[in-house]
Amino acid sequence: MSIFWGELLGTLLLILLGDGAVANVLLKKSKGEQSGWIVITAGWGFAVAMGVYAVGWATGGHINPAVTFGFAIVGKTPWNQVPTYIAGQMVGAILGAILVWASYFLHFEKSDNKTHKLLIFCTQPAIRAKRWNFVTEVIATAVLLIGVLGIFNIHNEIASGVGPFAVGLLVFSIGLSLGGPTGYAINPARDLGPRLVHSLFPIQGKGSSDWDYAWVPIIGPLLGAALGALIYQNILSL
């Protein structure tokens, strides 16, 4: 399996299952309607685990440009492979969002909350203050990279079987602890790809795609990933 196709498939699964969990909670007449934040964060954690299990053996299962960037910063991914990783991740994120839209098509029609429809595809802050929203995304993504590098550190001896599940638990934990302020994008493709789908597709009753905020869940995770990877490499790695 090539890097492009592997990352496409893994990221597609991530978005289909993760954004699908958000749709299940927020859209009218869904059987999971109003089941809450715990369902959303658990859904994203399981989504990450399934994406990494599906393609990790072939590509490393980055399914996140921030992870790819952080790995490249510390020499774990060759820089010449970075564009291929990110291209696969972006296409996969777009396709996954389209599948969520198709799966919940009738429920989008029954729902009239424009904000909820946007939140299915991308993040918005609970309190809009882009400087501090940016800080939150940097911190959360730094934690992600420190956790991922720790999980797959050879000294832990868990990478081959339990590793992807542990990454899912890590993402679940980040959502529970740091997800409240911004919705924890911690993944530029996870936010940008579905936001494009929200912007371009004929979703009934949708509002603005909020492009004014879109730079926060792109630049914040990239900076956070670089910081987290460098912190782990220079302070924690043995």
Protein backbone atom coordinates (compact mmCIF):
# COMPACT_ATOMS: atom_id res chain seq x y z
CA MET A 1 0.00 0.00 0.00
CA SER A 2 1.45 3.39 -0.99
CA ILE A 3 1.74 6.30 1.44
CA PHE A 4 -0.86 8.33 -0.47
CA TRP A 5 -3.52 5.62 -0.60
CA GLY A 6 -2.85 4.43 2.92
CA GLU A 7 -3.14 7.90 4.41
CA LEU A 8 -6.21 8.57 2.28
CA LEU A 9 -7.96 5.46 3.61
CA GLY A 10 -6.90 5.99 7.21
CA THR A 11 -7.96 9.64 7.24
CA LEU A 12 -11.23 8.81 5.50
CA LEU A 13 -12.03 6.36 8.32
CA LEU A 14 -10.99 8.95 10.90
CA ILE A 15 -13.35 11.62 9.53
CA LEU A 16 -16.22 9.27 8.73
CA LEU A 17 -16.24 7.86 12.27
CA GLY A 18 -15.26 11.06 14.09
CA ASP A 19 -17.51 13.55 12.30
CA GLY A 20 -20.11 10.80 12.20
CA ALA A 21 -20.11 10.77 16.01
CA VAL A 22 -20.64 14.54 16.06
CA ALA A 23 -23.51 14.23 13.56
CA ASN A 24 -25.07 11.47 15.64
CA VAL A 25 -25.14 13.76 18.70
CA LEU A 26 -26.11 17.07 17.07
CA LEU A 27 -28.59 16.30 14.29
CA LYS A 28 -32.34 16.06 14.81
CA LYS A 29 -34.02 12.65 14.96
CA SER A 30 -30.71 10.80 15.17
CA LYS A 31 -30.82 7.93 17.66
CA GLY A 32 -27.83 9.51 19.40
CA GLU A 33 -29.28 13.03 19.56
CA GLN A 34 -28.15 15.01 22.63
CA SER A 35 -26.03 12.15 23.96
CA GLY A 36 -23.30 14.64 24.76
CA TRP A 37 -19.62 15.46 24.79
CA ILE A 38 -18.50 12.09 26.13
CA VAL A 39 -19.95 10.35 23.07
CA ILE A 40 -18.21 12.83 20.76
CA THR A 41 -14.81 12.49 22.43
CA ALA A 42 -15.10 8.71 22.62
CA GLY A 43 -16.14 8.64 18.97
CA TRP A 44 -13.04 10.58 17.96
CA GLY A 45 -10.79 8.40 20.10
CA PHE A 46 -12.13 5.19 18.56
CA ALA A 47 -11.97 6.79 15.10
CA VAL A 48 -8.27 7.51 15.51
CA ALA A 49 -7.60 3.98 16.75
CA MET A 50 -9.43 2.40 13.81
CA GLY A 51 -7.67 4.63 11.28
CA VAL A 52 -4.25 3.79 12.70
CA TYR A 53 -5.02 0.06 12.94
CA ALA A 54 -6.20 0.04 9.32
CA VAL A 55 -3.12 1.58 7.73
CA GLY A 56 -0.46 1.97 10.39
CA TRP A 57 1.35 -1.15 9.22
CA ALA A 58 1.82 0.44 5.78
CA THR A 59 2.30 4.17 6.38
CA GLY A 60 2.77 4.60 10.11
CA GLY A 61 -0.84 5.75 10.34
CA HIS A 62 -0.18 9.46 10.69
CA ILE A 63 -3.68 10.44 9.39
CA ASN A 64 -2.84 14.00 10.48
CA PRO A 65 -0.57 16.60 8.83
CA ALA A 66 0.52 17.80 12.27
CA VAL A 67 1.82 14.33 13.13
CA THR A 68 3.60 14.12 9.78
CA PHE A 69 5.13 17.58 10.32
CA GLY A 70 6.21 16.80 13.87
CA PHE A 71 7.75 13.49 12.79
CA ALA A 72 9.62 15.24 9.98
CA ILE A 73 10.95 17.87 12.40
CA VAL A 74 12.60 15.17 14.52
CA GLY A 75 13.76 13.04 11.60
CA LYS A 76 11.21 10.21 11.84
CA THR A 77 9.66 10.98 8.43
CA PRO A 78 11.72 12.05 5.39
CA TRP A 79 10.85 15.58 4.26
CA ASN A 80 10.44 14.43 0.66
CA GLN A 81 7.53 12.20 1.76
CA VAL A 82 5.67 14.96 3.60
CA PRO A 83 3.74 16.29 0.55
CA THR A 84 2.53 12.76 -0.26
CA TYR A 85 1.37 12.18 3.31
CA ILE A 86 -0.50 15.48 3.43
CA ALA A 87 -2.09 15.03 0.00
CA GLY A 88 -3.49 11.64 1.03
CA GLN A 89 -4.70 13.04 4.35
CA MET A 90 -6.49 15.98 2.72
CA VAL A 91 -8.23 13.86 0.07
CA GLY A 92 -9.22 11.31 2.70
CA ALA A 93 -10.62 14.03 4.97
CA ILE A 94 -12.72 15.46 2.15
CA LEU A 95 -14.06 12.05 1.14
CA GLY A 96 -14.81 11.11 4.74
CA ALA A 97 -16.80 14.32 5.24
CA ILE A 98 -18.78 13.67 2.07
CA LEU A 99 -19.68 10.21 3.38
CA VAL A 100 -20.87 11.72 6.67
CA TRP A 101 -23.06 14.15 4.74
CA ALA A 102 -24.50 11.29 2.68
CA SER A 103 -25.05 9.06 5.73
CA TYR A 104 -26.96 11.76 7.61
CA PHE A 105 -28.56 13.44 4.59
CA LEU A 106 -32.14 13.16 5.89
CA HIS A 107 -31.11 14.40 9.33
CA PHE A 108 -29.44 17.49 7.89
CA GLU A 109 -32.80 18.24 6.27
CA LYS A 110 -34.62 17.88 9.60
CA SER A 111 -32.18 20.06 11.53
CA ASP A 112 -32.32 23.85 11.52
CA ASN A 113 -29.35 24.75 13.74
CA LYS A 114 -26.70 26.25 11.45
CA THR A 115 -24.01 26.13 14.11
CA HIS A 116 -24.57 22.42 14.72
CA LYS A 117 -24.32 21.74 11.00
CA LEU A 118 -20.98 23.52 10.87
CA LEU A 119 -19.68 21.77 13.98
CA ILE A 120 -20.20 18.40 12.34
CA PHE A 121 -17.59 19.35 9.76
CA CYS A 122 -15.13 21.56 11.61
CA THR A 123 -14.33 23.23 14.91
CA GLN A 124 -15.48 26.47 16.48
CA PRO A 125 -14.38 27.87 19.84
CA ALA A 126 -16.69 27.94 22.84
CA ILE A 127 -15.42 31.47 23.63
CA ARG A 128 -14.16 33.23 20.53
CA ALA A 129 -10.77 34.78 21.24
CA LYS A 130 -8.50 33.61 18.44
CA ARG A 131 -5.24 34.31 20.25
CA TRP A 132 -6.22 32.04 23.18
CA ASN A 133 -7.97 29.55 20.89
CA PHE A 134 -4.64 29.30 19.05
CA VAL A 135 -2.80 28.69 22.34
CA THR A 136 -5.23 25.88 23.22
CA GLU A 137 -4.65 24.15 19.87
CA VAL A 138 -0.87 24.47 20.28
CA ILE A 139 -0.96 22.94 23.77
CA ALA A 140 -3.35 20.12 22.84
CA THR A 141 -1.34 19.13 19.76
CA ALA A 142 1.94 19.26 21.66
CA VAL A 143 0.39 16.78 24.11
CA LEU A 144 -0.68 14.64 21.15
CA LEU A 145 2.86 14.43 19.76
CA ILE A 146 4.46 13.81 23.13
CA GLY A 147 1.93 11.04 23.75
CA VAL A 148 2.30 9.42 20.33
CA LEU A 149 6.10 9.46 20.49
CA GLY A 150 5.94 8.00 23.98
CA ILE A 151 3.49 5.26 23.00
CA PHE A 152 5.67 4.16 20.10
CA ASN A 153 8.94 4.47 22.00
CA ILE A 154 10.60 1.07 21.83
CA HIS A 155 11.04 1.06 25.61
CA ASN A 156 7.26 0.78 26.09
CA GLU A 157 7.07 -2.41 23.98
CA ILE A 158 3.40 -1.87 23.06
CA ALA A 159 3.56 -0.42 19.56
CA SER A 160 2.86 -3.56 17.50
CA GLY A 161 -0.52 -4.48 18.98
CA VAL A 162 -1.81 -2.03 21.55
CA GLY A 163 -0.20 1.10 20.09
CA PRO A 164 -3.12 2.29 17.91
CA PHE A 165 -5.60 1.68 20.72
CA ALA A 166 -3.38 3.67 23.09
CA VAL A 167 -3.32 6.54 20.59
CA GLY A 168 -7.11 6.42 20.55
CA LEU A 169 -7.13 6.66 24.35
CA LEU A 170 -4.73 9.59 24.09
CA VAL A 171 -7.08 11.45 21.74
CA PHE A 172 -10.03 10.61 24.00
CA SER A 173 -8.08 12.00 26.96
CA ILE A 174 -7.16 15.19 25.11
CA GLY A 175 -10.81 15.69 24.20
CA LEU A 176 -11.95 15.19 27.79
CA SER A 177 -9.29 17.48 29.24
CA LEU A 178 -8.47 20.10 26.59
CA GLY A 179 -11.28 19.83 24.05
CA GLY A 180 -13.73 22.21 25.69
CA PRO A 181 -12.31 25.58 24.58
CA THR A 182 -11.96 24.90 20.83
CA GLY A 183 -13.34 21.44 20.05
CA TYR A 184 -9.72 20.21 19.74
CA ALA A 185 -8.98 20.04 16.03
CA ILE A 186 -5.35 18.96 16.69
CA ASN A 187 -5.31 17.99 12.99
CA PRO A 188 -5.32 20.50 10.10
CA ALA A 189 -6.79 18.01 7.60
CA ARG A 190 -9.55 17.03 10.03
CA ASP A 191 -10.70 20.67 10.09
CA LEU A 192 -9.83 22.01 6.64
CA GLY A 193 -11.05 19.11 4.48
CA PRO A 194 -14.53 18.89 6.03
CA ARG A 195 -14.79 22.69 6.17
CA LEU A 196 -14.32 22.71 2.40
CA VAL A 197 -17.13 20.16 2.07
CA HIS A 198 -19.38 22.33 4.25
CA SER A 199 -18.55 25.32 2.09
CA LEU A 200 -19.03 23.66 -1.31
CA PHE A 201 -21.80 21.10 -0.82
CA PRO A 202 -25.55 21.86 -0.94
CA ILE A 203 -26.23 21.27 2.75
CA GLN A 204 -29.76 22.44 3.42
CA GLY A 205 -29.97 25.40 5.79
CA LYS A 206 -26.25 25.73 6.36
CA GLY A 207 -24.69 29.00 7.43
CA SER A 208 -21.23 30.44 7.05
CA SER A 209 -18.21 28.13 6.92
CA ASP A 210 -16.40 30.59 9.23
CA TRP A 211 -13.23 30.95 7.17
CA ASP A 212 -12.12 33.81 9.41
CA TYR A 213 -11.36 31.24 12.13
CA ALA A 214 -10.00 28.50 9.88
CA TRP A 215 -6.33 29.46 10.29
CA VAL A 216 -6.41 28.60 14.03
CA PRO A 217 -6.98 24.82 13.63
CA ILE A 218 -4.39 24.73 10.84
CA ILE A 219 -1.45 26.76 12.15
CA GLY A 220 -2.00 25.96 15.84
CA PRO A 221 -1.68 22.18 15.43
CA LEU A 222 1.35 22.50 13.17
CA LEU A 223 3.19 24.66 15.70
CA GLY A 224 2.06 22.46 18.58
CA ALA A 225 3.24 19.33 16.80
CA ALA A 226 6.69 20.81 16.19
CA LEU A 227 6.99 21.88 19.83
CA GLY A 228 5.73 18.56 21.18
CA ALA A 229 8.06 16.53 18.99
CA LEU A 230 11.08 18.67 19.89
CA ILE A 231 10.24 18.54 23.60
CA TYR A 232 10.00 14.76 23.51
CA GLN A 233 13.14 14.30 21.45
CA ASN A 234 15.29 16.63 23.51
CA ILE A 235 13.97 16.07 27.02
CA LEU A 236 12.10 12.76 27.33
CA SER A 237 13.48 10.43 24.68
CA LEU A 238 16.08 7.93 25.85
